[in-house]
Protein backbone atom coordinates (compact mmCIF):
# COMPACT_ATOMS: atom_id res chain seq x y z
CA MET A 1 54.59 67.97 135.79
CA ASN A 2 58.10 68.75 134.54
CA THR A 3 60.25 65.89 133.43
CA LEU A 4 64.05 65.87 133.56
CA ALA A 5 64.12 65.97 129.77
CA GLU A 6 62.19 69.26 129.71
CA ARG A 7 64.42 71.13 132.17
CA PRO A 8 67.48 71.71 129.93
CA SER A 9 65.24 73.14 127.22
CA LYS A 10 63.65 75.63 129.61
CA LEU A 11 67.02 76.50 131.10
CA GLY A 12 68.34 77.10 127.60
CA LYS A 13 65.45 79.44 126.82
CA ALA A 14 66.01 81.34 130.05
CA SER A 15 69.72 81.80 129.39
CA LYS A 16 68.97 82.98 125.84
CA VAL A 17 66.56 85.63 127.18
CA GLU A 18 69.17 86.72 129.73
CA ARG A 19 71.77 87.08 126.99
CA MET A 20 69.38 89.17 124.90
CA VAL A 21 68.62 91.44 127.88
CA ALA A 22 72.34 91.80 128.67
CA GLU A 23 73.13 92.65 125.05
CA GLN A 24 70.36 95.24 124.98
CA ASP A 25 71.73 96.79 128.18
CA LYS A 26 75.17 97.02 126.55
CA LYS A 27 73.70 98.81 123.54
CA VAL A 28 71.91 101.30 125.78
CA ARG A 29 75.09 101.97 127.76
CA ARG A 30 77.07 102.45 124.54
CA ARG A 31 74.52 104.95 123.24
CA LYS A 32 74.59 106.88 126.52
CA ARG A 33 78.40 106.86 126.57
CA SER A 34 78.52 108.01 122.95
CA ALA A 35 76.09 110.86 123.66
CA PHE A 36 78.10 111.89 126.75
CA GLU A 37 81.39 111.83 124.81
CA GLU A 38 79.85 113.94 122.05
CA LEU A 39 78.66 116.45 124.67
CA LEU A 40 82.20 116.63 126.08
CA ARG A 41 83.63 117.17 122.59
CA THR A 42 81.15 119.97 121.93
CA LEU A 43 81.96 121.66 125.24
CA ARG A 44 85.70 121.28 124.61
CA ARG A 45 85.48 122.80 121.15
CA GLY A 46 83.47 125.70 122.50
CA LEU A 47 85.92 126.35 125.32
CA LEU A 48 88.94 126.19 123.01
CA LYS A 49 87.46 129.00 120.94
CA LEU A 50 87.71 131.40 123.87
CA PRO A 51 90.28 134.12 123.00
CA GLY A 52 93.71 133.41 124.44
CA LEU A 53 92.80 130.14 126.16
CA LEU A 54 94.98 127.93 123.97
CA SER A 55 97.97 130.22 124.49
CA ILE A 56 97.50 130.00 128.26
CA LEU A 57 97.18 126.21 128.15
CA LYS A 58 100.35 125.92 126.05
CA VAL A 59 102.24 127.91 128.69
CA PHE A 60 100.88 125.57 131.37
CA VAL A 61 102.07 122.57 129.33
CA LYS A 62 105.51 124.08 128.83
CA ILE A 63 106.11 124.78 132.52
CA GLY A 64 104.63 121.45 133.61
CA ILE A 65 101.41 122.57 135.28
CA LEU A 66 99.33 120.74 132.67
CA PRO A 67 100.67 117.15 132.46
CA PHE A 68 100.69 114.85 129.45
CA ARG A 69 97.85 112.69 130.80
CA ILE A 70 95.56 115.73 130.54
CA TRP A 71 96.73 117.67 127.49
CA LYS A 72 96.78 114.55 125.31
CA HIS A 73 92.97 114.65 125.52
CA ILE A 74 92.71 118.33 124.50
CA ARG A 75 92.45 117.93 120.74
CA VAL A 76 92.99 121.00 118.56
CA ASP A 77 92.25 121.73 114.90
CA CYS A 78 94.29 124.66 113.65
CA ILE A 79 97.30 126.01 111.76
CA PHE A 80 100.28 126.86 113.97
CA THR A 81 104.00 127.64 113.89
CA VAL A 82 106.72 125.24 115.06
CA ASN A 83 110.24 126.31 116.05
CA ALA A 84 112.61 123.96 114.21
CA SER A 85 115.63 125.76 115.71
CA GLU A 86 116.47 129.15 117.20
CA LYS A 87 116.31 130.77 113.74
CA ALA A 88 114.08 128.41 111.77
CA ILE A 89 110.32 127.89 111.83
CA PHE A 90 107.69 126.09 109.80
CA ARG A 91 103.91 126.06 109.69
CA TYR A 92 101.76 122.98 110.19
CA ARG A 93 98.05 122.18 110.00
CA THR A 94 96.78 119.70 112.58
CA THR A 95 93.40 118.10 112.95
CA GLU A 96 92.01 116.49 116.09
CA ARG A 97 93.06 113.01 114.97
CA ASP A 98 96.55 113.91 113.74
CA ARG A 99 98.76 112.42 116.46
CA VAL A 100 101.96 114.04 115.19
CA GLY A 101 100.22 117.39 114.86
CA GLN A 102 98.92 117.26 118.44
CA TYR A 103 102.41 116.62 119.81
CA LEU A 104 103.89 119.40 117.68
CA PHE A 105 101.20 121.86 118.78
CA TRP A 106 101.54 121.28 122.51
CA ARG A 107 105.26 120.56 122.86
CA GLY A 108 106.93 121.45 119.56
CA LEU A 109 109.97 119.28 118.87
CA ASP A 110 110.74 118.79 122.57
CA MET A 111 108.70 115.60 122.95
CA TRP A 112 108.01 114.13 119.51
CA GLU A 113 111.00 111.93 118.50
CA ALA A 114 113.29 114.39 120.27
CA ASP A 115 116.43 112.22 120.34
CA THR A 116 116.17 111.32 116.65
CA LEU A 117 115.46 114.90 115.60
CA SER A 118 118.44 116.35 117.46
CA VAL A 119 120.73 114.12 115.37
CA PHE A 120 118.71 114.59 112.19
CA LYS A 121 118.93 118.37 112.29
CA ASP A 122 122.71 118.22 112.56
CA ILE A 123 122.99 115.76 109.66
CA VAL A 124 120.60 117.56 107.32
CA ALA A 125 122.10 121.00 107.97
CA ASP A 126 124.52 120.64 105.03
CA ALA A 127 122.44 118.38 102.76
CA LYS A 128 121.46 119.34 99.24
CA VAL A 129 118.97 116.51 98.65
CA PHE A 130 116.97 114.77 101.38
CA LEU A 131 114.71 111.77 100.72
CA ASP A 132 111.80 111.43 103.13
CA ILE A 133 110.59 107.85 102.56
CA GLY A 134 107.38 107.23 104.46
CA ALA A 135 106.75 110.96 104.86
CA ASN A 136 103.26 110.80 106.37
CA THR A 137 102.21 114.44 106.94
CA GLY A 138 105.69 115.77 106.17
CA ALA A 139 107.24 116.78 109.49
CA TYR A 140 110.77 115.66 108.56
CA SER A 141 110.66 117.37 105.16
CA LEU A 142 109.41 120.58 106.76
CA ILE A 143 112.15 120.48 109.40
CA ALA A 144 114.87 119.79 106.82
CA CYS A 145 113.90 122.73 104.62
CA ALA A 146 113.39 125.02 107.61
CA VAL A 147 116.86 124.47 109.10
CA ASN A 148 118.68 124.31 105.75
CA GLN A 149 117.79 126.94 103.15
CA ASN A 150 119.75 125.08 100.47
CA CYS A 151 118.08 121.70 101.00
CA LYS A 152 115.66 120.13 98.55
CA ALA A 153 113.37 117.49 100.05
CA VAL A 154 111.66 114.69 98.15
CA ALA A 155 108.79 113.18 100.15
CA PHE A 156 107.16 109.82 99.41
CA GLU A 157 103.71 109.00 100.77
CA PRO A 158 101.46 106.39 99.05
CA VAL A 159 98.23 106.83 101.06
CA PRO A 160 96.04 109.29 99.08
CA HIS A 161 94.36 111.17 101.94
CA VAL A 162 97.63 111.40 103.91
CA HIS A 163 99.42 112.64 100.78
CA GLU A 164 96.81 115.41 100.57
CA LYS A 165 97.63 116.50 104.13
CA LEU A 166 101.33 116.37 103.26
CA ARG A 167 100.71 118.72 100.31
CA GLU A 168 98.59 121.00 102.52
CA ASN A 169 101.39 121.36 105.07
CA ILE A 170 103.93 122.09 102.34
CA GLU A 171 101.75 124.83 100.83
CA LEU A 172 101.65 126.64 104.19
CA ASN A 173 105.38 127.39 104.03
CA THR A 174 107.57 129.83 102.12
CA PHE A 175 109.97 127.06 101.11
CA LYS A 176 107.24 125.02 99.41
CA GLU A 177 109.10 125.14 96.08
CA ARG A 178 111.92 123.09 97.64
CA ILE A 179 109.74 120.10 98.56
CA GLN A 180 108.69 117.63 95.89
CA THR A 181 106.21 114.85 96.61
CA HIS A 182 105.51 111.45 95.07
CA GLN A 183 102.31 109.55 95.84
CA CYS A 184 103.90 106.11 95.68
CA ALA A 185 105.59 103.44 97.77
CA LEU A 186 109.26 102.53 97.41
CA SER A 187 110.62 99.00 97.28
CA LYS A 188 113.14 96.79 95.42
CA GLU A 189 111.33 96.85 92.07
CA THR A 190 108.82 98.97 90.16
CA GLY A 191 105.19 98.07 89.52
CA THR A 192 102.12 97.94 91.75
CA ALA A 193 101.46 96.25 95.06
CA SER A 194 98.83 95.85 97.76
CA PHE A 195 99.30 98.37 100.57
CA PHE A 196 97.71 97.92 103.99
CA ILE A 197 96.24 101.12 105.45
CA PRO A 198 95.19 101.07 109.13
CA ASP A 199 92.00 102.91 110.01
CA GLY A 200 92.48 106.55 110.98
CA GLU A 201 92.85 110.03 109.57
CA CYS A 202 96.65 110.05 109.49
CA PRO A 203 97.80 106.42 109.84
CA ALA A 204 101.57 106.28 110.32
CA ASP A 205 102.01 102.51 110.09
CA GLY A 206 100.72 101.57 106.65
CA THR A 207 102.92 99.02 104.91
CA LEU A 208 103.49 96.81 101.89
CA VAL A 209 103.83 93.88 104.30
CA ASP A 210 100.92 91.45 103.90
CA ALA A 211 97.75 92.72 105.61
CA GLU A 212 97.25 89.38 107.36
CA ASP A 213 100.27 90.20 109.49
CA LYS A 214 98.56 93.29 110.89
CA SER A 215 96.44 93.10 114.03
CA GLN A 216 94.61 96.42 113.62
CA LYS A 217 91.63 97.14 111.41
CA GLY A 218 92.12 98.75 108.04
CA SER A 219 91.85 98.41 104.28
CA VAL A 220 94.04 97.34 101.38
CA LEU A 221 94.79 99.64 98.45
CA GLU A 222 96.64 98.99 95.20
CA VAL A 223 99.51 101.50 94.99
CA THR A 224 102.26 102.43 92.57
CA VAL A 225 105.71 101.17 93.58
CA ASN A 226 109.03 102.65 92.47
CA THR A 227 112.70 102.25 93.38
CA VAL A 228 115.01 105.04 94.49
CA ASP A 229 117.49 104.10 91.74
CA ASP A 230 114.87 104.42 88.98
CA LEU A 231 113.54 107.72 90.31
CA ARG A 232 117.02 109.15 90.74
CA GLN A 233 117.75 108.48 87.08
CA LYS A 234 114.37 109.82 85.97
CA GLU A 235 114.45 112.95 88.17
CA GLN A 236 118.19 113.51 87.57
CA TRP A 237 119.10 114.17 91.18
CA ASP A 238 122.75 115.19 91.30
CA CYS A 239 123.23 113.44 94.62
CA VAL A 240 121.36 112.11 97.62
CA ASP A 241 122.86 113.27 100.90
CA VAL A 242 120.39 112.16 103.59
CA VAL A 243 117.69 109.48 103.57
CA LYS A 244 115.02 108.82 106.21
CA ILE A 245 113.20 105.50 105.86
CA ASP A 246 110.14 104.73 107.97
CA VAL A 247 108.13 102.05 106.16
CA GLU A 248 107.06 99.66 108.92
CA GLY A 249 109.16 96.59 108.16
CA ALA A 250 109.79 97.07 104.43
CA GLU A 251 113.11 98.91 104.93
CA PRO A 252 115.28 96.06 103.50
CA ASP A 253 113.34 96.18 100.21
CA VAL A 254 113.73 99.97 99.99
CA LEU A 255 117.49 99.62 100.53
CA SER A 256 117.66 96.92 97.85
CA GLY A 257 116.08 99.36 95.42
CA MET A 258 118.69 102.05 96.05
CA ARG A 259 121.94 100.11 95.70
CA LYS A 260 123.25 102.32 92.88
CA THR A 261 122.33 105.46 94.78
CA VAL A 262 124.33 104.56 97.86
CA GLU A 263 127.38 103.21 95.98
């Protein structure tokens, strides 16, 4: 005979078993989905190796037959050429998880930050020294040196594995001697600081801002911090003509550290 006191206990055991079964079902579905996704990736990589297929797909993208919602899923891993202007080109190495590289491969400069770049290319055309603060994989430095043969770019990227990709892209180009890199962050004073790095191969939104303010997953790394004013004196730059700052909320501190430079 079951008493009222016994029923909640048995109900609790039943619900616990149901939760365990449901969780196991989820794990099985995740494994199946993971296996299916890996199969799709393998098929995609095999298809993309077919001679001429990528060139055909790029034409389809350009004329609008292949829309963004489709080509954004066709990930490529290769070295390619980008037209910076009618007479200027640069080379870039993208991997499947390089978001900037994927945009540049499929659409060139037509889609990736197009409005900003149209102004930037006009401004940097007569610059002698360009500071690329928050360079990531180096697109702005590559564009600056491609469109202006007299420009020297100084690129700053504190994340070690992203800095390596920056150096790799620079080495692909004939103007590599005109791009200098610093693996450090810039702020209002020199020293070291904790730098939040979101998960990913080429994270573009790492920052010196406290990691607790970030919603995405990632890690914290101790990085070297410099100021533009100190580096200008040390490197003996004659002048600084153009500065691009993309440091995810730490821009005021960067500006505070370059007061003498902008005076």
